[in-house]
Amino acid sequence: MLDGGFLTKKLYERLSRHPTADDIVAECDTRMKLPQVAGYELLRIYYYDAHPSTDRVKRPVSRSDLQLGATPRYRQSQSLFDQLDLRPHFALRMGQVTLSPTKWRIRPRVMKDLLKAPRALTDADFDLDMSQKGVDMHVGMDMARLALKELARTVIVVTGDSDFVPAFKFVRREGVKVILATLGHNVRTELRQHADIVI
């Protein structure tokens, strides 16, 4: 079970480039070689992320139009999802990205700099204020279904998100072993506490 946003961010840090479907498959192959799952049959690789926004917004200072569906980031994300969708054993579980009512937020570093030396703001001083909806729910429902239908003895979850703690607790009570793969990320203690093995 792959937290797509987390995984692609960690791979970007490691590779210094945007990860490809091959990079993600290679990461899964590494997890399948763990001694804790030696001899196990792979049921499925669940990849959780959100479709990028296609909204049209006004830039915060210049007020010029920005079509999010025409940005390089949109094309890159959509291409990755399309490639993963065709890979064996992959099932994509997609949520949605929503914009906040204000749509933009000032970058924290910019705010610090402005307090030291005030200046006029530019569009580049802002980030879109977006959040994912439905991704955590998909993870929880899939984990519960696998446990209740006794489809899996062990799940490997690649994430750094402590929102998954309730799902971890539930499946462990149902007898499913949870292996947490943090990819070297410093996750909260409670997430580690509710996994059987942390790698």
N, C-alpha and C. Protein backbone atom coordinates (compact mmCIF):
# COMPACT_ATOMS: atom_id res chain seq x y z
N MET A 1 0.85 -1.16 0.00
CA MET A 1 0.00 0.00 0.00
C MET A 1 0.89 1.22 0.00
N LEU A 2 0.80 2.01 -1.07
CA LEU A 2 1.72 3.11 -1.28
C LEU A 2 1.00 4.44 -1.15
N ASP A 3 1.47 5.26 -0.22
CA ASP A 3 1.02 6.65 -0.11
C ASP A 3 1.76 7.40 -1.22
N GLY A 4 1.08 7.62 -2.34
CA GLY A 4 1.74 8.13 -3.54
C GLY A 4 2.43 9.46 -3.36
N GLY A 5 1.77 10.40 -2.69
CA GLY A 5 2.39 11.71 -2.48
C GLY A 5 3.66 11.61 -1.67
N PHE A 6 3.62 10.78 -0.62
CA PHE A 6 4.80 10.56 0.23
C PHE A 6 5.91 9.87 -0.56
N LEU A 7 5.55 8.80 -1.26
CA LEU A 7 6.56 8.02 -1.98
C LEU A 7 7.24 8.85 -3.06
N THR A 8 6.48 9.58 -3.85
CA THR A 8 7.10 10.37 -4.93
C THR A 8 7.98 11.47 -4.37
N LYS A 9 7.60 12.05 -3.24
CA LYS A 9 8.42 13.09 -2.61
C LYS A 9 9.76 12.50 -2.13
N LYS A 10 9.71 11.34 -1.48
CA LYS A 10 10.93 10.72 -0.98
C LYS A 10 11.83 10.26 -2.14
N LEU A 11 11.23 9.74 -3.19
CA LEU A 11 12.04 9.33 -4.35
C LEU A 11 12.66 10.54 -5.04
N TYR A 12 11.93 11.65 -5.10
CA TYR A 12 12.48 12.87 -5.68
C TYR A 12 13.71 13.33 -4.89
N GLU A 13 13.62 13.26 -3.55
CA GLU A 13 14.76 13.64 -2.71
C GLU A 13 15.96 12.74 -2.97
N ARG A 14 15.70 11.46 -3.17
CA ARG A 14 16.78 10.50 -3.39
C ARG A 14 17.37 10.60 -4.79
N LEU A 15 16.51 10.76 -5.79
CA LEU A 15 16.95 10.69 -7.18
C LEU A 15 17.28 12.05 -7.80
N SER A 16 16.85 13.13 -7.15
CA SER A 16 17.01 14.50 -7.67
C SER A 16 16.33 14.67 -9.03
N ARG A 17 15.24 13.96 -9.22
CA ARG A 17 14.41 14.09 -10.42
C ARG A 17 13.04 13.51 -10.09
N HIS A 18 12.09 13.80 -10.97
CA HIS A 18 10.75 13.26 -10.75
C HIS A 18 10.76 11.75 -10.99
N PRO A 19 10.20 10.98 -10.06
CA PRO A 19 10.23 9.52 -10.24
C PRO A 19 9.32 9.06 -11.36
N THR A 20 9.70 7.95 -11.96
CA THR A 20 8.92 7.34 -13.03
C THR A 20 8.19 6.11 -12.48
N ALA A 21 7.36 5.53 -13.32
CA ALA A 21 6.68 4.29 -12.94
C ALA A 21 7.70 3.19 -12.68
N ASP A 22 8.78 3.16 -13.45
CA ASP A 22 9.84 2.16 -13.22
C ASP A 22 10.46 2.31 -11.84
N ASP A 23 10.67 3.55 -11.40
CA ASP A 23 11.24 3.79 -10.07
C ASP A 23 10.32 3.26 -8.98
N ILE A 24 9.03 3.46 -9.16
CA ILE A 24 8.05 3.01 -8.15
C ILE A 24 7.96 1.48 -8.15
N VAL A 25 7.97 0.87 -9.32
CA VAL A 25 7.96 -0.59 -9.40
C VAL A 25 9.21 -1.17 -8.74
N ALA A 26 10.36 -0.54 -8.97
CA ALA A 26 11.62 -1.01 -8.36
C ALA A 26 11.53 -0.92 -6.83
N GLU A 27 10.91 0.13 -6.32
CA GLU A 27 10.75 0.28 -4.87
C GLU A 27 9.86 -0.85 -4.33
N CYS A 28 8.81 -1.19 -5.06
CA CYS A 28 7.93 -2.30 -4.64
C CYS A 28 8.68 -3.63 -4.68
N ASP A 29 9.49 -3.84 -5.72
CA ASP A 29 10.26 -5.08 -5.82
C ASP A 29 11.19 -5.23 -4.62
N THR A 30 11.79 -4.13 -4.18
CA THR A 30 12.66 -4.17 -2.99
C THR A 30 11.87 -4.61 -1.77
N ARG A 31 10.67 -4.10 -1.60
CA ARG A 31 9.84 -4.46 -0.44
C ARG A 31 9.41 -5.93 -0.51
N MET A 32 9.20 -6.45 -1.71
CA MET A 32 8.78 -7.85 -1.86
C MET A 32 9.90 -8.83 -1.52
N LYS A 33 11.13 -8.33 -1.46
CA LYS A 33 12.26 -9.20 -1.13
C LYS A 33 12.55 -9.23 0.37
N LEU A 34 11.75 -8.54 1.15
CA LEU A 34 11.95 -8.55 2.61
C LEU A 34 11.80 -9.97 3.15
N PRO A 35 12.65 -10.37 4.08
CA PRO A 35 12.54 -11.73 4.64
C PRO A 35 11.20 -11.98 5.33
N GLN A 36 10.56 -10.92 5.82
CA GLN A 36 9.28 -11.08 6.52
C GLN A 36 8.14 -11.51 5.59
N VAL A 37 8.33 -11.33 4.28
CA VAL A 37 7.29 -11.75 3.33
C VAL A 37 7.83 -12.77 2.32
N ALA A 38 8.96 -13.38 2.65
CA ALA A 38 9.53 -14.39 1.76
C ALA A 38 8.54 -15.53 1.56
N GLY A 39 8.32 -15.89 0.32
CA GLY A 39 7.39 -16.97 0.02
C GLY A 39 5.94 -16.55 -0.06
N TYR A 40 5.64 -15.29 0.26
CA TYR A 40 4.26 -14.82 0.17
C TYR A 40 3.90 -14.52 -1.28
N GLU A 41 2.64 -14.71 -1.61
CA GLU A 41 2.13 -14.34 -2.93
C GLU A 41 1.62 -12.91 -2.87
N LEU A 42 2.00 -12.11 -3.86
CA LEU A 42 1.52 -10.73 -3.93
C LEU A 42 0.07 -10.71 -4.37
N LEU A 43 -0.78 -10.09 -3.58
CA LEU A 43 -2.18 -9.93 -3.97
C LEU A 43 -2.32 -8.74 -4.91
N ARG A 44 -1.85 -7.58 -4.46
CA ARG A 44 -2.03 -6.36 -5.24
C ARG A 44 -1.14 -5.26 -4.68
N ILE A 45 -0.81 -4.29 -5.53
CA ILE A 45 -0.11 -3.09 -5.08
C ILE A 45 -1.11 -1.94 -5.21
N TYR A 46 -1.51 -1.41 -4.07
CA TYR A 46 -2.45 -0.29 -4.06
C TYR A 46 -1.66 1.01 -4.01
N TYR A 47 -1.96 1.90 -4.94
CA TYR A 47 -1.29 3.20 -5.02
C TYR A 47 -2.34 4.28 -4.77
N TYR A 48 -2.11 5.08 -3.73
CA TYR A 48 -3.08 6.10 -3.32
C TYR A 48 -2.55 7.50 -3.61
N ASP A 49 -3.33 8.27 -4.31
CA ASP A 49 -2.96 9.66 -4.59
C ASP A 49 -4.24 10.41 -4.97
N ALA A 50 -4.08 11.62 -5.43
CA ALA A 50 -5.24 12.41 -5.84
C ALA A 50 -4.99 12.94 -7.24
N HIS A 51 -6.05 12.96 -8.04
CA HIS A 51 -5.94 13.55 -9.37
C HIS A 51 -5.61 15.03 -9.23
N PRO A 52 -4.64 15.52 -10.01
CA PRO A 52 -4.32 16.95 -9.93
C PRO A 52 -5.49 17.80 -10.38
N SER A 53 -5.54 18.99 -9.85
CA SER A 53 -6.65 19.91 -10.15
C SER A 53 -6.58 20.41 -11.59
N THR A 54 -7.74 20.60 -12.19
CA THR A 54 -7.84 21.20 -13.52
C THR A 54 -8.50 22.58 -13.46
N ASP A 55 -8.61 23.13 -12.24
CA ASP A 55 -9.28 24.42 -12.07
C ASP A 55 -8.54 25.54 -12.80
N ARG A 56 -9.29 26.60 -13.09
CA ARG A 56 -8.71 27.84 -13.62
C ARG A 56 -8.76 28.86 -12.49
N VAL A 57 -7.62 29.45 -12.16
CA VAL A 57 -7.57 30.42 -11.07
C VAL A 57 -6.88 31.69 -11.54
N LYS A 58 -7.05 32.75 -10.77
CA LYS A 58 -6.34 34.00 -11.00
C LYS A 58 -5.10 34.02 -10.12
N ARG A 59 -3.98 34.38 -10.70
CA ARG A 59 -2.76 34.51 -9.91
C ARG A 59 -2.98 35.61 -8.85
N PRO A 60 -2.32 35.48 -7.69
CA PRO A 60 -2.67 36.33 -6.55
C PRO A 60 -2.31 37.80 -6.69
N VAL A 61 -1.28 38.15 -7.46
CA VAL A 61 -0.87 39.55 -7.56
C VAL A 61 -1.20 40.12 -8.94
N SER A 62 -0.74 39.44 -9.96
CA SER A 62 -0.95 39.95 -11.32
C SER A 62 -2.39 39.78 -11.79
N ARG A 63 -3.10 38.84 -11.17
CA ARG A 63 -4.50 38.51 -11.52
C ARG A 63 -4.61 37.89 -12.92
N SER A 64 -3.50 37.42 -13.48
CA SER A 64 -3.56 36.73 -14.77
C SER A 64 -4.11 35.32 -14.56
N ASP A 65 -4.65 34.75 -15.63
CA ASP A 65 -5.24 33.42 -15.55
C ASP A 65 -4.17 32.34 -15.45
N LEU A 66 -4.47 31.30 -14.65
CA LEU A 66 -3.62 30.11 -14.56
C LEU A 66 -4.52 28.90 -14.72
N GLN A 67 -4.33 28.15 -15.81
CA GLN A 67 -5.09 26.93 -16.06
C GLN A 67 -4.29 25.76 -15.51
N LEU A 68 -4.70 25.23 -14.37
CA LEU A 68 -3.91 24.19 -13.70
C LEU A 68 -3.79 22.92 -14.53
N GLY A 69 -4.78 22.62 -15.33
CA GLY A 69 -4.74 21.43 -16.16
C GLY A 69 -3.76 21.52 -17.31
N ALA A 70 -3.18 22.70 -17.53
CA ALA A 70 -2.21 22.88 -18.62
C ALA A 70 -0.79 23.05 -18.10
N THR A 71 -0.58 22.84 -16.81
CA THR A 71 0.75 23.04 -16.23
C THR A 71 1.62 21.78 -16.40
N PRO A 72 2.94 21.96 -16.40
CA PRO A 72 3.83 20.79 -16.47
C PRO A 72 3.59 19.81 -15.32
N ARG A 73 3.28 20.32 -14.13
CA ARG A 73 3.04 19.45 -12.98
C ARG A 73 1.83 18.55 -13.22
N TYR A 74 0.77 19.11 -13.81
CA TYR A 74 -0.41 18.31 -14.12
C TYR A 74 -0.06 17.20 -15.11
N ARG A 75 0.63 17.58 -16.19
CA ARG A 75 0.97 16.59 -17.22
C ARG A 75 1.87 15.49 -16.65
N GLN A 76 2.81 15.87 -15.81
CA GLN A 76 3.73 14.91 -15.20
C GLN A 76 2.98 13.93 -14.30
N SER A 77 2.11 14.46 -13.44
CA SER A 77 1.34 13.60 -12.54
C SER A 77 0.43 12.66 -13.32
N GLN A 78 -0.27 13.20 -14.29
CA GLN A 78 -1.20 12.38 -15.05
C GLN A 78 -0.48 11.30 -15.83
N SER A 79 0.69 11.63 -16.37
CA SER A 79 1.48 10.63 -17.10
C SER A 79 1.91 9.50 -16.17
N LEU A 80 2.34 9.84 -14.96
CA LEU A 80 2.74 8.81 -14.00
C LEU A 80 1.56 7.90 -13.67
N PHE A 81 0.40 8.48 -13.41
CA PHE A 81 -0.77 7.67 -13.07
C PHE A 81 -1.15 6.75 -14.24
N ASP A 82 -1.09 7.28 -15.46
CA ASP A 82 -1.43 6.47 -16.63
C ASP A 82 -0.47 5.29 -16.78
N GLN A 83 0.82 5.53 -16.52
CA GLN A 83 1.81 4.45 -16.62
C GLN A 83 1.60 3.40 -15.54
N LEU A 84 1.36 3.85 -14.31
CA LEU A 84 1.16 2.90 -13.20
C LEU A 84 -0.09 2.06 -13.41
N ASP A 85 -1.11 2.68 -13.98
CA ASP A 85 -2.38 1.99 -14.19
C ASP A 85 -2.22 0.77 -15.10
N LEU A 86 -1.19 0.78 -15.95
CA LEU A 86 -0.97 -0.31 -16.89
C LEU A 86 -0.02 -1.38 -16.34
N ARG A 87 0.58 -1.14 -15.19
CA ARG A 87 1.54 -2.09 -14.62
C ARG A 87 0.81 -3.26 -13.97
N PRO A 88 1.38 -4.46 -14.06
CA PRO A 88 0.76 -5.63 -13.43
C PRO A 88 0.63 -5.43 -11.92
N HIS A 89 -0.48 -5.88 -11.38
CA HIS A 89 -0.78 -5.90 -9.95
C HIS A 89 -1.10 -4.53 -9.36
N PHE A 90 -0.98 -3.46 -10.14
CA PHE A 90 -1.24 -2.12 -9.59
C PHE A 90 -2.73 -1.79 -9.64
N ALA A 91 -3.22 -1.22 -8.55
CA ALA A 91 -4.58 -0.68 -8.49
C ALA A 91 -4.47 0.73 -7.94
N LEU A 92 -4.89 1.70 -8.73
CA LEU A 92 -4.84 3.08 -8.29
C LEU A 92 -6.12 3.45 -7.57
N ARG A 93 -5.98 4.05 -6.41
CA ARG A 93 -7.11 4.53 -5.61
C ARG A 93 -6.95 6.04 -5.52
N MET A 94 -7.79 6.74 -6.24
CA MET A 94 -7.59 8.17 -6.40
C MET A 94 -8.63 9.00 -5.64
N GLY A 95 -8.12 9.97 -4.91
CA GLY A 95 -8.97 10.96 -4.27
C GLY A 95 -9.03 12.20 -5.16
N GLN A 96 -9.39 13.31 -4.57
CA GLN A 96 -9.49 14.56 -5.30
C GLN A 96 -8.67 15.64 -4.60
N VAL A 97 -8.22 16.61 -5.38
CA VAL A 97 -7.55 17.78 -4.83
C VAL A 97 -8.56 18.93 -4.82
N THR A 98 -8.65 19.61 -3.69
CA THR A 98 -9.56 20.76 -3.60
C THR A 98 -8.76 22.00 -3.22
N LEU A 99 -9.16 23.12 -3.76
CA LEU A 99 -8.55 24.40 -3.44
C LEU A 99 -9.30 25.04 -2.27
N SER A 100 -8.56 25.69 -1.39
CA SER A 100 -9.19 26.42 -0.30
C SER A 100 -9.95 27.62 -0.87
N PRO A 101 -10.88 28.20 -0.10
CA PRO A 101 -11.62 29.38 -0.60
C PRO A 101 -10.69 30.54 -1.00
N THR A 102 -9.56 30.70 -0.29
CA THR A 102 -8.65 31.80 -0.63
C THR A 102 -7.72 31.43 -1.78
N LYS A 103 -7.58 30.14 -2.07
CA LYS A 103 -6.81 29.58 -3.19
C LYS A 103 -5.29 29.72 -3.07
N TRP A 104 -4.80 30.74 -2.41
CA TRP A 104 -3.35 30.97 -2.34
C TRP A 104 -2.92 31.16 -0.89
N ARG A 105 -1.66 30.79 -0.59
CA ARG A 105 -1.07 31.09 0.71
C ARG A 105 0.36 31.56 0.49
N ILE A 106 0.76 32.50 1.30
CA ILE A 106 2.11 33.04 1.16
C ILE A 106 3.11 32.00 1.67
N ARG A 107 4.23 31.89 0.99
CA ARG A 107 5.25 30.92 1.39
C ARG A 107 5.87 31.33 2.72
N PRO A 108 6.07 30.37 3.62
CA PRO A 108 6.62 30.71 4.95
C PRO A 108 7.95 31.44 4.89
N ARG A 109 8.83 31.02 4.00
CA ARG A 109 10.14 31.69 3.89
C ARG A 109 9.98 33.14 3.44
N VAL A 110 9.03 33.37 2.53
CA VAL A 110 8.76 34.73 2.06
C VAL A 110 8.28 35.60 3.21
N MET A 111 7.40 35.03 4.04
CA MET A 111 6.89 35.78 5.19
C MET A 111 8.02 36.20 6.12
N LYS A 112 8.94 35.30 6.38
CA LYS A 112 10.09 35.63 7.24
C LYS A 112 10.94 36.74 6.62
N ASP A 113 11.17 36.63 5.31
CA ASP A 113 11.98 37.64 4.62
C ASP A 113 11.29 39.01 4.63
N LEU A 114 9.97 39.01 4.47
CA LEU A 114 9.22 40.27 4.45
C LEU A 114 9.26 40.97 5.81
N LEU A 115 9.29 40.19 6.88
CA LEU A 115 9.36 40.78 8.21
C LEU A 115 10.71 41.47 8.43
N LYS A 116 11.74 40.95 7.77
CA LYS A 116 13.08 41.55 7.88
C LYS A 116 13.23 42.76 6.95
N ALA A 117 12.71 42.61 5.72
CA ALA A 117 12.86 43.66 4.72
C ALA A 117 11.60 43.74 3.85
N PRO A 118 10.66 44.61 4.20
CA PRO A 118 9.41 44.71 3.43
C PRO A 118 9.67 45.06 1.95
N ARG A 119 8.85 44.49 1.09
CA ARG A 119 8.93 44.75 -0.35
C ARG A 119 7.57 44.43 -0.96
N ALA A 120 7.41 44.74 -2.23
CA ALA A 120 6.16 44.43 -2.93
C ALA A 120 6.09 42.93 -3.20
N LEU A 121 4.90 42.36 -3.08
CA LEU A 121 4.71 40.93 -3.34
C LEU A 121 4.63 40.64 -4.82
N THR A 122 5.02 39.41 -5.19
CA THR A 122 4.89 38.93 -6.56
C THR A 122 4.12 37.61 -6.55
N ASP A 123 3.71 37.16 -7.71
CA ASP A 123 3.01 35.87 -7.81
C ASP A 123 3.87 34.73 -7.27
N ALA A 124 5.18 34.83 -7.46
CA ALA A 124 6.09 33.76 -7.04
C ALA A 124 6.20 33.62 -5.53
N ASP A 125 5.66 34.59 -4.79
CA ASP A 125 5.70 34.53 -3.33
C ASP A 125 4.61 33.64 -2.74
N PHE A 126 3.75 33.11 -3.59
CA PHE A 126 2.59 32.35 -3.13
C PHE A 126 2.60 30.93 -3.67
N ASP A 127 2.00 30.03 -2.90
CA ASP A 127 1.72 28.66 -3.34
C ASP A 127 0.22 28.46 -3.34
N LEU A 128 -0.24 27.58 -4.22
CA LEU A 128 -1.66 27.22 -4.19
C LEU A 128 -1.97 26.51 -2.87
N ASP A 129 -3.09 26.83 -2.29
CA ASP A 129 -3.51 26.23 -1.02
C ASP A 129 -4.47 25.08 -1.33
N MET A 130 -3.90 23.89 -1.46
CA MET A 130 -4.65 22.70 -1.88
C MET A 130 -4.62 21.64 -0.80
N SER A 131 -5.61 20.78 -0.81
CA SER A 131 -5.60 19.63 0.09
C SER A 131 -6.21 18.44 -0.63
N GLN A 132 -5.77 17.24 -0.21
CA GLN A 132 -6.32 16.01 -0.77
C GLN A 132 -7.55 15.59 0.01
N LYS A 133 -8.53 15.08 -0.69
CA LYS A 133 -9.74 14.58 -0.06
C LYS A 133 -9.96 13.13 -0.50
N GLY A 134 -10.27 12.29 0.46
CA GLY A 134 -10.68 10.92 0.15
C GLY A 134 -9.58 9.89 0.13
N VAL A 135 -8.31 10.31 0.17
CA VAL A 135 -7.21 9.35 0.07
C VAL A 135 -7.12 8.49 1.33
N ASP A 136 -7.13 9.14 2.51
CA ASP A 136 -7.05 8.40 3.77
C ASP A 136 -8.22 7.42 3.91
N MET A 137 -9.39 7.83 3.45
CA MET A 137 -10.57 6.97 3.53
C MET A 137 -10.38 5.72 2.67
N HIS A 138 -9.81 5.88 1.48
CA HIS A 138 -9.55 4.72 0.61
C HIS A 138 -8.60 3.74 1.28
N VAL A 139 -7.54 4.27 1.91
CA VAL A 139 -6.57 3.40 2.58
C VAL A 139 -7.26 2.62 3.69
N GLY A 140 -8.00 3.32 4.54
CA GLY A 140 -8.68 2.66 5.66
C GLY A 140 -9.66 1.60 5.21
N MET A 141 -10.44 1.91 4.17
CA MET A 141 -11.44 0.95 3.68
C MET A 141 -10.77 -0.28 3.07
N ASP A 142 -9.71 -0.06 2.31
CA ASP A 142 -9.02 -1.20 1.70
C ASP A 142 -8.38 -2.09 2.75
N MET A 143 -7.75 -1.48 3.76
CA MET A 143 -7.13 -2.28 4.81
C MET A 143 -8.18 -3.09 5.57
N ALA A 144 -9.31 -2.46 5.86
CA ALA A 144 -10.38 -3.16 6.58
C ALA A 144 -10.94 -4.31 5.75
N ARG A 145 -11.14 -4.07 4.45
CA ARG A 145 -11.68 -5.12 3.58
C ARG A 145 -10.73 -6.31 3.50
N LEU A 146 -9.44 -6.03 3.33
CA LEU A 146 -8.46 -7.12 3.24
C LEU A 146 -8.44 -7.94 4.52
N ALA A 147 -8.57 -7.26 5.66
CA ALA A 147 -8.54 -7.97 6.94
C ALA A 147 -9.81 -8.77 7.17
N LEU A 148 -10.97 -8.16 6.96
CA LEU A 148 -12.24 -8.82 7.25
C LEU A 148 -12.51 -9.99 6.31
N LYS A 149 -12.06 -9.88 5.07
CA LYS A 149 -12.26 -10.98 4.12
C LYS A 149 -11.09 -11.97 4.15
N GLU A 150 -10.15 -11.74 5.06
CA GLU A 150 -8.99 -12.62 5.22
C GLU A 150 -8.26 -12.83 3.89
N LEU A 151 -8.06 -11.73 3.16
CA LEU A 151 -7.37 -11.79 1.87
C LEU A 151 -5.87 -11.60 2.01
N ALA A 152 -5.41 -11.12 3.17
CA ALA A 152 -3.98 -10.86 3.35
C ALA A 152 -3.56 -11.20 4.77
N ARG A 153 -2.35 -11.75 4.89
CA ARG A 153 -1.76 -12.01 6.21
C ARG A 153 -0.89 -10.86 6.66
N THR A 154 -0.32 -10.14 5.67
CA THR A 154 0.60 -9.04 5.96
C THR A 154 0.38 -7.94 4.94
N VAL A 155 0.42 -6.70 5.40
CA VAL A 155 0.41 -5.56 4.48
C VAL A 155 1.67 -4.74 4.72
N ILE A 156 2.26 -4.30 3.63
CA ILE A 156 3.40 -3.38 3.71
C ILE A 156 2.86 -2.01 3.33
N VAL A 157 3.02 -1.04 4.22
CA VAL A 157 2.49 0.30 3.99
C VAL A 157 3.66 1.27 3.90
N VAL A 158 3.76 1.94 2.76
CA VAL A 158 4.81 2.94 2.56
C VAL A 158 4.19 4.31 2.79
N THR A 159 4.50 4.90 3.95
CA THR A 159 3.90 6.19 4.30
C THR A 159 4.68 6.83 5.44
N GLY A 160 4.37 8.07 5.68
CA GLY A 160 4.88 8.78 6.85
C GLY A 160 3.73 9.47 7.57
N ASP A 161 2.50 9.13 7.18
CA ASP A 161 1.29 9.81 7.63
C ASP A 161 0.67 9.12 8.83
N SER A 162 0.64 9.79 9.97
CA SER A 162 0.07 9.19 11.18
C SER A 162 -1.47 9.12 11.15
N ASP A 163 -2.10 9.67 10.12
CA ASP A 163 -3.55 9.53 9.96
C ASP A 163 -3.94 8.07 9.73
N PHE A 164 -2.98 7.23 9.38
CA PHE A 164 -3.27 5.83 9.12
C PHE A 164 -3.29 4.98 10.38
N VAL A 165 -3.01 5.57 11.54
CA VAL A 165 -2.97 4.82 12.79
C VAL A 165 -4.26 4.02 13.05
N PRO A 166 -5.46 4.63 12.91
CA PRO A 166 -6.68 3.84 13.16
C PRO A 166 -6.79 2.59 12.26
N ALA A 167 -6.37 2.72 11.00
CA ALA A 167 -6.41 1.56 10.09
C ALA A 167 -5.42 0.50 10.54
N PHE A 168 -4.23 0.93 10.97
CA PHE A 168 -3.23 -0.02 11.48
C PHE A 168 -3.80 -0.78 12.67
N LYS A 169 -4.40 -0.06 13.62
CA LYS A 169 -4.96 -0.68 14.83
C LYS A 169 -6.01 -1.72 14.45
N PHE A 170 -6.89 -1.34 13.53
CA PHE A 170 -7.99 -2.24 13.16
C PHE A 170 -7.48 -3.54 12.56
N VAL A 171 -6.60 -3.44 11.56
CA VAL A 171 -6.18 -4.68 10.89
C VAL A 171 -5.33 -5.54 11.81
N ARG A 172 -4.58 -4.94 12.69
CA ARG A 172 -3.79 -5.75 13.63
C ARG A 172 -4.71 -6.51 14.59
N ARG A 173 -5.80 -5.89 15.00
CA ARG A 173 -6.76 -6.60 15.85
C ARG A 173 -7.39 -7.77 15.11
N GLU A 174 -7.45 -7.66 13.78
CA GLU A 174 -8.02 -8.73 12.96
C GLU A 174 -6.97 -9.77 12.58
N GLY A 175 -5.74 -9.63 13.08
CA GLY A 175 -4.71 -10.64 12.85
C GLY A 175 -3.80 -10.41 11.67
N VAL A 176 -3.88 -9.22 11.08
CA VAL A 176 -3.01 -8.90 9.93
C VAL A 176 -1.76 -8.18 10.44
N LYS A 177 -0.61 -8.64 9.98
CA LYS A 177 0.65 -8.01 10.36
C LYS A 177 0.86 -6.77 9.50
N VAL A 178 1.31 -5.67 10.13
CA VAL A 178 1.56 -4.41 9.42
C VAL A 178 3.06 -4.12 9.43
N ILE A 179 3.62 -4.01 8.22
CA ILE A 179 5.01 -3.60 8.06
C ILE A 179 5.00 -2.17 7.54
N LEU A 180 5.61 -1.27 8.29
CA LEU A 180 5.66 0.14 7.93
C LEU A 180 7.01 0.44 7.28
N ALA A 181 6.99 0.95 6.06
CA ALA A 181 8.22 1.37 5.37
C ALA A 181 8.23 2.89 5.33
N THR A 182 9.18 3.47 6.04
CA THR A 182 9.22 4.94 6.18
C THR A 182 10.17 5.61 5.19
N LEU A 183 10.96 4.83 4.46
CA LEU A 183 11.94 5.35 3.51
C LEU A 183 12.88 6.36 4.18
N GLY A 184 13.19 6.09 5.43
CA GLY A 184 14.12 6.95 6.16
C GLY A 184 13.50 8.20 6.73
N HIS A 185 12.20 8.36 6.58
CA HIS A 185 11.51 9.56 7.08
C HIS A 185 11.32 9.44 8.59
N ASN A 186 11.45 10.53 9.30
CA ASN A 186 11.28 10.56 10.75
C ASN A 186 9.79 10.68 11.07
N VAL A 187 9.12 9.53 11.21
CA VAL A 187 7.67 9.53 11.42
C VAL A 187 7.34 9.66 12.90
N ARG A 188 6.10 10.02 13.19
CA ARG A 188 5.67 10.18 14.58
C ARG A 188 5.70 8.83 15.30
N THR A 189 5.97 8.90 16.58
CA THR A 189 6.11 7.69 17.40
C THR A 189 4.86 6.82 17.34
N GLU A 190 3.67 7.44 17.37
CA GLU A 190 2.44 6.64 17.40
C GLU A 190 2.28 5.79 16.15
N LEU A 191 2.79 6.26 15.02
CA LEU A 191 2.71 5.45 13.80
C LEU A 191 3.60 4.22 13.93
N ARG A 192 4.78 4.40 14.49
CA ARG A 192 5.69 3.27 14.72
C ARG A 192 5.10 2.29 15.74
N GLN A 193 4.45 2.82 16.76
CA GLN A 193 3.91 1.98 17.81
C GLN A 193 2.84 1.03 17.31
N HIS A 194 2.11 1.42 16.28
CA HIS A 194 0.99 0.62 15.81
C HIS A 194 1.31 -0.18 14.55
N ALA A 195 2.61 -0.32 14.26
CA ALA A 195 3.09 -1.22 13.22
C ALA A 195 3.80 -2.37 13.88
N ASP A 196 3.77 -3.55 13.28
CA ASP A 196 4.49 -4.69 13.83
C ASP A 196 5.98 -4.58 13.57
N ILE A 197 6.34 -4.11 12.38
CA ILE A 197 7.73 -3.99 11.99
C ILE A 197 7.89 -2.66 11.28
N VAL A 198 8.97 -1.93 11.58
CA VAL A 198 9.27 -0.67 10.91
C VAL A 198 10.60 -0.84 10.19
N ILE A 199 10.58 -0.55 8.89
CA ILE A 199 11.83 -0.66 8.09
C ILE A 199 12.11 0.67 7.42
